[in-house]
Amino acid sequence: MSIPDKARKYSDKAVIEPARVIQERKKIGLHPSCPVPAAAIMCYDTAFWDWVCAGPGNVECDGWLKGAYLVPCNDSWILVLKVPGFGASTAVMTLEELAAFRIEKFVNLGTAGGLQQDMNVGDIVLCDRAIRDEGTSHHYLPVEKYSYACTELTERLSAAFERKGIEYRKGTSWTTDAPYRETINELRQYRSDGVATVEMEVSALFAVGAYRGVGVSSVLVISDILSEEDWHQGYHSAEKLEGLKKIFEVVLEMAAMDSKNHQMN
């Protein structure tokens, strides 16, 4: 069976649209009372999230956004939240609801496995496209190998990193639903093709961004290194955490540049 099962799916109306979910939450008193900006940063790493939560001046949201924060930056507020779990389907549900809530620009701030032999834990990768080796994106866009980041946001992040003197590489990520089935043959092929990283969300987020007409970019910090002989993991390393901290302020400032605060209706 192909994914999706129905070839005409892309033009068919969905039974449940995310905007309807937002309306139903409002009916039962779960509508947030805080202002939400036009930009959001999506995070995953627990240690990094604990550091974000401890930041001075953060304002916790209420309603269905409880647990997320408005973080001040240059007279603007940026929504920063931790995605509840990992994987394309969970990340996409989060993005869909925030986009239905009229947030227009997103930065995915995650971790990834490094595929290239010259990589180290803590390295920074600005992802410009992703291989769609997951199922979720295929319910949004017809079958193609890649989905693509928002060019505008990615170029602005690239310029911001260069202004700050932050070392990074721009490259392709391999997104998969099956982290325990990343095979040696795939590793060799993707490394040979110059693919930089492997993770579980990015290609689906890019696809939803294209489908919904919102801007999505992604910055990844290397948390582990994959090779045929060994697996070097640094999930709990200081290098990974410092990499996330290093880029957070840059991402925050970039998001604040055109954040248009608006009151939730």
C-alpha atoms as a PDB file:
ATOM      1  CA  MET A   1       0.000   0.000   0.000  1.00  0.00           C
ATOM      2  CA  SER A   2       1.259   3.475  -0.840  1.00  0.00           C
ATOM      3  CA  ILE A   3       1.125   6.406   1.581  1.00  0.00           C
ATOM      4  CA  PRO A   4      -1.371   7.996   1.438  1.00  0.00           C
ATOM      5  CA  ASP A   5      -3.768   5.251   0.372  1.00  0.00           C
ATOM      6  CA  LYS A   6      -5.938   7.662  -1.646  1.00  0.00           C
ATOM      7  CA  ALA A   7      -4.177   9.512  -4.461  1.00  0.00           C
ATOM      8  CA  ARG A   8      -6.615  12.448  -4.449  1.00  0.00           C
ATOM      9  CA  LYS A   9      -6.122  13.130  -0.762  1.00  0.00           C
ATOM     10  CA  TYR A  10      -4.259  16.409  -1.232  1.00  0.00           C
ATOM     11  CA  SER A  11      -7.341  18.211  -2.530  1.00  0.00           C
ATOM     12  CA  ASP A  12      -9.874  16.539  -0.220  1.00  0.00           C
ATOM     13  CA  LYS A  13     -11.359  18.363   2.766  1.00  0.00           C
ATOM     14  CA  ALA A  14     -10.326  17.042   6.198  1.00  0.00           C
ATOM     15  CA  VAL A  15     -12.960  15.876   8.675  1.00  0.00           C
ATOM     16  CA  ILE A  16     -11.285  17.782  11.540  1.00  0.00           C
ATOM     17  CA  GLU A  17      -9.393  20.978  10.839  1.00  0.00           C
ATOM     18  CA  PRO A  18      -7.023  22.349  13.532  1.00  0.00           C
ATOM     19  CA  ALA A  19      -9.005  25.599  13.636  1.00  0.00           C
ATOM     20  CA  ARG A  20     -12.002  23.600  14.861  1.00  0.00           C
ATOM     21  CA  VAL A  21      -9.900  22.212  17.716  1.00  0.00           C
ATOM     22  CA  ILE A  22      -8.982  25.755  18.753  1.00  0.00           C
ATOM     23  CA  GLN A  23     -12.668  26.764  18.672  1.00  0.00           C
ATOM     24  CA  GLU A  24     -13.705  23.804  20.829  1.00  0.00           C
ATOM     25  CA  ARG A  25     -11.049  24.625  23.424  1.00  0.00           C
ATOM     26  CA  LYS A  26     -12.315  28.189  23.551  1.00  0.00           C
ATOM     27  CA  LYS A  27     -15.836  26.927  24.250  1.00  0.00           C
ATOM     28  CA  ILE A  28     -14.684  25.068  27.358  1.00  0.00           C
ATOM     29  CA  GLY A  29     -12.594  27.916  28.764  1.00  0.00           C
ATOM     30  CA  LEU A  30      -9.136  26.825  27.596  1.00  0.00           C
ATOM     31  CA  HIS A  31      -8.443  29.876  25.448  1.00  0.00           C
ATOM     32  CA  PRO A  32      -5.159  31.546  26.514  1.00  0.00           C
ATOM     33  CA  SER A  33      -5.357  35.102  27.805  1.00  0.00           C
ATOM     34  CA  CYS A  34      -1.787  36.133  26.984  1.00  0.00           C
ATOM     35  CA  PRO A  35      -0.705  37.824  23.751  1.00  0.00           C
ATOM     36  CA  VAL A  36       0.907  35.566  21.182  1.00  0.00           C
ATOM     37  CA  PRO A  37       3.479  36.854  18.663  1.00  0.00           C
ATOM     38  CA  ALA A  38       3.812  35.943  15.017  1.00  0.00           C
ATOM     39  CA  ALA A  39       6.794  33.666  15.762  1.00  0.00           C
ATOM     40  CA  ALA A  40       7.316  30.509  17.802  1.00  0.00           C
ATOM     41  CA  ILE A  41      10.345  28.398  18.713  1.00  0.00           C
ATOM     42  CA  MET A  42       9.722  24.656  19.094  1.00  0.00           C
ATOM     43  CA  CYS A  43      12.081  22.761  21.439  1.00  0.00           C
ATOM     44  CA  TYR A  44      12.508  19.107  22.469  1.00  0.00           C
ATOM     45  CA  ASP A  45      15.538  18.639  24.718  1.00  0.00           C
ATOM     46  CA  THR A  46      14.667  18.379  28.432  1.00  0.00           C
ATOM     47  CA  ALA A  47      17.880  19.854  29.870  1.00  0.00           C
ATOM     48  CA  PHE A  48      17.710  22.758  27.453  1.00  0.00           C
ATOM     49  CA  TRP A  49      14.043  23.332  28.235  1.00  0.00           C
ATOM     50  CA  ASP A  50      14.802  23.496  31.963  1.00  0.00           C
ATOM     51  CA  TRP A  51      17.358  26.213  31.176  1.00  0.00           C
ATOM     52  CA  VAL A  52      14.841  28.137  29.044  1.00  0.00           C
ATOM     53  CA  CYS A  53      12.195  27.964  31.790  1.00  0.00           C
ATOM     54  CA  ALA A  54      14.584  29.518  34.293  1.00  0.00           C
ATOM     55  CA  GLY A  55      15.171  32.572  32.118  1.00  0.00           C
ATOM     56  CA  PRO A  56      14.385  35.964  33.661  1.00  0.00           C
ATOM     57  CA  GLY A  57      11.288  37.775  32.441  1.00  0.00           C
ATOM     58  CA  ASN A  58       9.568  34.749  30.937  1.00  0.00           C
ATOM     59  CA  VAL A  59       5.778  34.756  31.231  1.00  0.00           C
ATOM     60  CA  GLU A  60       4.010  31.402  31.369  1.00  0.00           C
ATOM     61  CA  CYS A  61       0.969  31.089  29.136  1.00  0.00           C
ATOM     62  CA  ASP A  62      -2.361  29.756  30.342  1.00  0.00           C
ATOM     63  CA  GLY A  63      -5.202  27.822  28.727  1.00  0.00           C
ATOM     64  CA  TRP A  64      -4.179  25.177  26.235  1.00  0.00           C
ATOM     65  CA  LEU A  65      -0.767  26.869  25.975  1.00  0.00           C
ATOM     66  CA  LYS A  66      -0.049  26.310  29.671  1.00  0.00           C
ATOM     67  CA  GLY A  67       3.554  25.195  30.085  1.00  0.00           C
ATOM     68  CA  ALA A  68       4.747  27.325  27.162  1.00  0.00           C
ATOM     69  CA  TYR A  69       6.376  30.716  27.717  1.00  0.00           C
ATOM     70  CA  LEU A  70       6.412  34.140  26.196  1.00  0.00           C
ATOM     71  CA  VAL A  71      10.079  35.131  26.198  1.00  0.00           C
ATOM     72  CA  PRO A  72      10.941  38.844  25.950  1.00  0.00           C
ATOM     73  CA  CYS A  73      13.358  40.031  23.287  1.00  0.00           C
ATOM     74  CA  ASN A  74      13.857  43.534  21.874  1.00  0.00           C
ATOM     75  CA  ASP A  75      10.455  44.800  22.977  1.00  0.00           C
ATOM     76  CA  SER A  76       8.745  41.729  21.503  1.00  0.00           C
ATOM     77  CA  TRP A  77       7.441  38.463  22.886  1.00  0.00           C
ATOM     78  CA  ILE A  78       8.363  35.135  21.283  1.00  0.00           C
ATOM     79  CA  LEU A  79       6.431  31.969  22.089  1.00  0.00           C
ATOM     80  CA  VAL A  80       8.795  29.200  23.176  1.00  0.00           C
ATOM     81  CA  LEU A  81       7.432  25.736  23.889  1.00  0.00           C
ATOM     82  CA  LYS A  82       8.549  22.160  24.386  1.00  0.00           C
ATOM     83  CA  VAL A  83       6.942  19.703  21.991  1.00  0.00           C
ATOM     84  CA  PRO A  84       5.355  16.889  24.072  1.00  0.00           C
ATOM     85  CA  GLY A  85       7.497  13.989  22.885  1.00  0.00           C
ATOM     86  CA  PHE A  86       9.391  13.207  19.709  1.00  0.00           C
ATOM     87  CA  GLY A  87       8.593  12.277  16.137  1.00  0.00           C
ATOM     88  CA  ALA A  88       6.942  13.748  13.080  1.00  0.00           C
ATOM     89  CA  SER A  89       3.291  13.199  14.009  1.00  0.00           C
ATOM     90  CA  THR A  90       3.592  14.855  17.427  1.00  0.00           C
ATOM     91  CA  ALA A  91       5.596  17.797  16.103  1.00  0.00           C
ATOM     92  CA  VAL A  92       3.141  18.283  13.240  1.00  0.00           C
ATOM     93  CA  MET A  93       0.118  18.325  15.552  1.00  0.00           C
ATOM     94  CA  THR A  94       1.822  21.053  17.581  1.00  0.00           C
ATOM     95  CA  LEU A  95       2.662  23.073  14.466  1.00  0.00           C
ATOM     96  CA  GLU A  96      -0.829  22.661  13.008  1.00  0.00           C
ATOM     97  CA  GLU A  97      -2.526  24.013  16.137  1.00  0.00           C
ATOM     98  CA  LEU A  98      -0.145  26.953  16.470  1.00  0.00           C
ATOM     99  CA  ALA A  99      -0.577  27.824  12.794  1.00  0.00           C
ATOM    100  CA  ALA A 100      -4.368  27.639  13.204  1.00  0.00           C
ATOM    101  CA  PHE A 101      -3.868  30.062  16.075  1.00  0.00           C
ATOM    102  CA  ARG A 102      -2.418  32.468  13.469  1.00  0.00           C
ATOM    103  CA  ILE A 103       1.248  32.105  14.314  1.00  0.00           C
ATOM    104  CA  GLU A 104       3.042  32.596  11.005  1.00  0.00           C
ATOM    105  CA  LYS A 105       6.726  31.805  11.535  1.00  0.00           C
ATOM    106  CA  PHE A 106       8.415  28.899  13.285  1.00  0.00           C
ATOM    107  CA  VAL A 107      11.937  27.838  14.174  1.00  0.00           C
ATOM    108  CA  ASN A 108      12.416  24.171  15.007  1.00  0.00           C
ATOM    109  CA  LEU A 109      15.266  23.970  17.528  1.00  0.00           C
ATOM    110  CA  GLY A 110      16.228  20.323  17.897  1.00  0.00           C
ATOM    111  CA  THR A 111      18.999  17.763  18.174  1.00  0.00           C
ATOM    112  CA  ALA A 112      20.148  15.229  15.600  1.00  0.00           C
ATOM    113  CA  GLY A 113      22.566  12.444  14.898  1.00  0.00           C
ATOM    114  CA  GLY A 114      25.621  13.433  12.877  1.00  0.00           C
ATOM    115  CA  LEU A 115      26.368  11.413   9.729  1.00  0.00           C
ATOM    116  CA  GLN A 116      29.577  13.058   8.521  1.00  0.00           C
ATOM    117  CA  GLN A 117      32.903  11.849   9.905  1.00  0.00           C
ATOM    118  CA  ASP A 118      34.213  15.329  10.659  1.00  0.00           C
ATOM    119  CA  MET A 119      31.321  16.149  13.003  1.00  0.00           C
ATOM    120  CA  ASN A 120      31.415  16.482  16.774  1.00  0.00           C
ATOM    121  CA  VAL A 121      28.754  16.564  19.468  1.00  0.00           C
ATOM    122  CA  GLY A 122      27.659  20.167  19.874  1.00  0.00           C
ATOM    123  CA  ASP A 123      28.111  21.108  16.207  1.00  0.00           C
ATOM    124  CA  ILE A 124      25.372  23.276  14.688  1.00  0.00           C
ATOM    125  CA  VAL A 125      23.533  22.492  11.454  1.00  0.00           C
ATOM    126  CA  LEU A 126      21.137  24.871   9.711  1.00  0.00           C
ATOM    127  CA  CYS A 127      18.862  22.575   7.746  1.00  0.00           C
ATOM    128  CA  ASP A 128      17.752  23.766   4.297  1.00  0.00           C
ATOM    129  CA  ARG A 129      15.987  20.577   3.170  1.00  0.00           C
ATOM    130  CA  ALA A 130      15.085  17.149   4.540  1.00  0.00           C
ATOM    131  CA  ILE A 131      14.636  13.648   3.130  1.00  0.00           C
ATOM    132  CA  ARG A 132      11.037  12.517   3.630  1.00  0.00           C
ATOM    133  CA  ASP A 133      11.639   9.052   5.090  1.00  0.00           C
ATOM    134  CA  GLU A 134       8.641   9.373   7.421  1.00  0.00           C
ATOM    135  CA  GLY A 135       4.928   8.901   6.877  1.00  0.00           C
ATOM    136  CA  THR A 136       3.366  12.160   8.046  1.00  0.00           C
ATOM    137  CA  SER A 137       4.570  14.487   5.278  1.00  0.00           C
ATOM    138  CA  HIS A 138       3.065  12.257   2.591  1.00  0.00           C
ATOM    139  CA  HIS A 139      -0.421  13.155   3.815  1.00  0.00           C
ATOM    140  CA  TYR A 140       0.328  16.823   3.059  1.00  0.00           C
ATOM    141  CA  LEU A 141       2.383  16.896  -0.145  1.00  0.00           C
ATOM    142  CA  PRO A 142       2.706  14.535  -3.135  1.00  0.00           C
ATOM    143  CA  VAL A 143       5.636  12.135  -3.114  1.00  0.00           C
ATOM    144  CA  GLU A 144       9.024  13.766  -3.614  1.00  0.00           C
ATOM    145  CA  LYS A 145      12.371  13.000  -2.018  1.00  0.00           C
ATOM    146  CA  TYR A 146      12.765  16.298  -0.164  1.00  0.00           C
ATOM    147  CA  SER A 147      10.779  18.929   1.653  1.00  0.00           C
ATOM    148  CA  TYR A 148      12.279  22.389   2.029  1.00  0.00           C
ATOM    149  CA  ALA A 149      12.803  25.006   4.723  1.00  0.00           C
ATOM    150  CA  CYS A 150      11.451  28.524   4.374  1.00  0.00           C
ATOM    151  CA  THR A 151      14.141  30.242   2.307  1.00  0.00           C
ATOM    152  CA  GLU A 152      13.656  33.651   3.931  1.00  0.00           C
ATOM    153  CA  LEU A 153      13.957  32.425   7.519  1.00  0.00           C
ATOM    154  CA  THR A 154      16.882  30.151   6.700  1.00  0.00           C
ATOM    155  CA  GLU A 155      18.832  32.916   4.987  1.00  0.00           C
ATOM    156  CA  ARG A 156      18.204  35.281   7.885  1.00  0.00           C
ATOM    157  CA  LEU A 157      19.373  32.673  10.393  1.00  0.00           C
ATOM    158  CA  SER A 158      22.466  32.057   8.292  1.00  0.00           C
ATOM    159  CA  ALA A 159      23.253  35.784   8.247  1.00  0.00           C
ATOM    160  CA  ALA A 160      22.656  36.042  12.009  1.00  0.00           C
ATOM    161  CA  PHE A 161      25.049  33.175  12.764  1.00  0.00           C
ATOM    162  CA  GLU A 162      27.711  34.761  10.592  1.00  0.00           C
ATOM    163  CA  ARG A 163      27.295  38.165  12.271  1.00  0.00           C
ATOM    164  CA  LYS A 164      27.718  36.516  15.667  1.00  0.00           C
ATOM    165  CA  GLY A 165      30.720  34.467  14.528  1.00  0.00           C
ATOM    166  CA  ILE A 166      28.951  31.169  15.281  1.00  0.00           C
ATOM    167  CA  GLU A 167      30.362  28.195  13.381  1.00  0.00           C
ATOM    168  CA  TYR A 168      27.729  26.131  11.608  1.00  0.00           C
ATOM    169  CA  ARG A 169      27.123  24.191   8.448  1.00  0.00           C
ATOM    170  CA  LYS A 170      24.121  24.345   6.166  1.00  0.00           C
ATOM    171  CA  GLY A 171      22.867  21.004   4.947  1.00  0.00           C
ATOM    172  CA  THR A 172      20.332  18.265   4.386  1.00  0.00           C
ATOM    173  CA  SER A 173      18.765  16.158   7.120  1.00  0.00           C
ATOM    174  CA  TRP A 174      17.362  12.634   6.869  1.00  0.00           C
ATOM    175  CA  THR A 175      14.044  12.385   8.736  1.00  0.00           C
ATOM    176  CA  THR A 176      12.874   8.913   9.731  1.00  0.00           C
ATOM    177  CA  ASP A 177      10.105   7.445  11.880  1.00  0.00           C
ATOM    178  CA  ALA A 178      12.227   4.412  12.769  1.00  0.00           C
ATOM    179  CA  PRO A 179      15.392   5.349  14.687  1.00  0.00           C
ATOM    180  CA  TYR A 180      16.153   1.700  15.462  1.00  0.00           C
ATOM    181  CA  ARG A 181      16.077   0.849  11.735  1.00  0.00           C
ATOM    182  CA  GLU A 182      18.704   3.289  10.536  1.00  0.00           C
ATOM    183  CA  THR A 183      20.785   0.761   8.623  1.00  0.00           C
ATOM    184  CA  ILE A 184      24.474   0.739   7.825  1.00  0.00           C
ATOM    185  CA  ASN A 185      23.757   0.785   4.085  1.00  0.00           C
ATOM    186  CA  GLU A 186      21.565   3.867   4.496  1.00  0.00           C
ATOM    187  CA  LEU A 187      24.228   5.532   6.612  1.00  0.00           C
ATOM    188  CA  ARG A 188      26.865   4.910   3.943  1.00  0.00           C
ATOM    189  CA  GLN A 189      24.637   6.146   1.131  1.00  0.00           C
ATOM    190  CA  TYR A 190      23.495   9.312   2.870  1.00  0.00           C
ATOM    191  CA  ARG A 191      26.988  10.124   4.073  1.00  0.00           C
ATOM    192  CA  SER A 192      28.245   9.712   0.508  1.00  0.00           C
ATOM    193  CA  ASP A 193      25.447  12.029  -0.676  1.00  0.00           C
ATOM    194  CA  GLY A 194      26.607  14.683   1.791  1.00  0.00           C
ATOM    195  CA  VAL A 195      23.580  14.415   4.105  1.00  0.00           C
ATOM    196  CA  ALA A 196      24.507  16.019   7.415  1.00  0.00           C
ATOM    197  CA  THR A 197      22.101  14.690  10.040  1.00  0.00           C
ATOM    198  CA  VAL A 198      19.370  12.235  10.937  1.00  0.00           C
ATOM    199  CA  GLU A 199      16.363  13.066  13.143  1.00  0.00           C
ATOM    200  CA  MET A 200      12.614  12.466  13.434  1.00  0.00           C
ATOM    201  CA  GLU A 201      10.672  15.667  12.709  1.00  0.00           C
ATOM    202  CA  VAL A 202      12.099  18.097  10.180  1.00  0.00           C
ATOM    203  CA  SER A 203      10.829  16.858   6.797  1.00  0.00           C
ATOM    204  CA  ALA A 204       7.257  16.686   8.102  1.00  0.00           C
ATOM    205  CA  LEU A 205       7.442  20.183   9.599  1.00  0.00           C
ATOM    206  CA  PHE A 206       8.742  21.606   6.322  1.00  0.00           C
ATOM    207  CA  ALA A 207       5.922  19.863   4.438  1.00  0.00           C
ATOM    208  CA  VAL A 208       3.244  21.252   6.752  1.00  0.00           C
ATOM    209  CA  GLY A 209       4.771  24.709   6.460  1.00  0.00           C
ATOM    210  CA  ALA A 210       4.428  24.516   2.679  1.00  0.00           C
ATOM    211  CA  TYR A 211       0.892  23.144   2.909  1.00  0.00           C
ATOM    212  CA  ARG A 212      -0.369  25.723   5.415  1.00  0.00           C
ATOM    213  CA  GLY A 213       1.555  28.671   4.022  1.00  0.00           C
ATOM    214  CA  VAL A 214       3.619  29.378   7.147  1.00  0.00           C
ATOM    215  CA  GLY A 215       7.384  29.786   7.395  1.00  0.00           C
ATOM    216  CA  VAL A 216       9.325  26.932   9.010  1.00  0.00           C
ATOM    217  CA  SER A 217      13.085  26.736   9.510  1.00  0.00           C
ATOM    218  CA  SER A 218      15.180  24.321  11.545  1.00  0.00           C
ATOM    219  CA  VAL A 219      18.446  24.511  13.468  1.00  0.00           C
ATOM    220  CA  LEU A 220      19.893  21.263  14.816  1.00  0.00           C
ATOM    221  CA  VAL A 221      22.632  20.579  17.356  1.00  0.00           C
ATOM    222  CA  ILE A 222      24.527  17.298  17.041  1.00  0.00           C
ATOM    223  CA  SER A 223      23.740  15.016  19.987  1.00  0.00           C
ATOM    224  CA  ASP A 224      25.385  11.809  18.736  1.00  0.00           C
ATOM    225  CA  ILE A 225      27.603  10.548  15.921  1.00  0.00           C
ATOM    226  CA  LEU A 226      26.752   7.503  13.799  1.00  0.00           C
ATOM    227  CA  SER A 227      29.335   5.287  12.108  1.00  0.00           C
ATOM    228  CA  GLU A 228      29.590   1.694  10.881  1.00  0.00           C
ATOM    229  CA  GLU A 229      31.849   0.731  13.771  1.00  0.00           C
ATOM    230  CA  ASP A 230      30.342   2.574  16.707  1.00  0.00           C
ATOM    231  CA  TRP A 231      27.709   4.946  18.038  1.00  0.00           C
ATOM    232  CA  HIS A 232      29.055   7.895  19.994  1.00  0.00           C
ATOM    233  CA  GLN A 233      26.200   9.367  22.007  1.00  0.00           C
ATOM    234  CA  GLY A 234      26.307  12.710  23.740  1.00  0.00           C
ATOM    235  CA  TYR A 235      22.660  13.232  24.638  1.00  0.00           C
ATOM    236  CA  HIS A 236      23.560  14.294  28.176  1.00  0.00           C
ATOM    237  CA  SER A 237      26.782  16.092  27.305  1.00  0.00           C
ATOM    238  CA  ALA A 238      27.718  19.653  28.153  1.00  0.00           C
ATOM    239  CA  GLU A 239      28.666  20.181  24.494  1.00  0.00           C
ATOM    240  CA  LYS A 240      25.136  19.438  23.258  1.00  0.00           C
ATOM    241  CA  LEU A 241      23.541  21.684  25.871  1.00  0.00           C
ATOM    242  CA  GLU A 242      25.990  24.517  25.225  1.00  0.00           C
ATOM    243  CA  GLY A 243      25.302  24.260  21.500  1.00  0.00           C
ATOM    244  CA  LEU A 244      21.583  24.741  22.086  1.00  0.00           C
ATOM    245  CA  LYS A 245      22.190  27.648  24.450  1.00  0.00           C
ATOM    246  CA  LYS A 246      24.581  29.290  21.991  1.00  0.00           C
ATOM    247  CA  ILE A 247      22.051  29.437  19.203  1.00  0.00           C
ATOM    248  CA  PHE A 248      18.959  30.189  21.292  1.00  0.00           C
ATOM    249  CA  GLU A 249      19.609  33.909  21.709  1.00  0.00           C
ATOM    250  CA  VAL A 250      20.397  34.244  17.998  1.00  0.00           C
ATOM    251  CA  VAL A 251      17.197  32.429  17.026  1.00  0.00           C
ATOM    252  CA  LEU A 252      15.242  34.523  19.528  1.00  0.00           C
ATOM    253  CA  GLU A 253      16.590  37.803  18.161  1.00  0.00           C
ATOM    254  CA  MET A 254      15.888  36.765  14.577  1.00  0.00           C
ATOM    255  CA  ALA A 255      12.328  35.790  15.453  1.00  0.00           C
ATOM    256  CA  ALA A 256      11.802  39.087  17.273  1.00  0.00           C
ATOM    257  CA  MET A 257      12.863  41.183  14.294  1.00  0.00           C
ATOM    258  CA  ASP A 258       9.486  40.841  12.614  1.00  0.00           C
ATOM    259  CA  SER A 259       7.351  39.513  15.425  1.00  0.00           C
ATOM    260  CA  LYS A 260       4.016  41.317  15.337  1.00  0.00           C
ATOM    261  CA  ASN A 261       2.440  40.932  18.747  1.00  0.00           C
ATOM    262  CA  HIS A 262      -1.290  40.493  18.526  1.00  0.00           C
ATOM    263  CA  GLN A 263      -3.966  39.830  21.071  1.00  0.00           C
ATOM    264  CA  MET A 264      -5.653  36.438  21.027  1.00  0.00           C
ATOM    265  CA  ASN A 265      -9.220  36.718  19.858  1.00  0.00           C
END
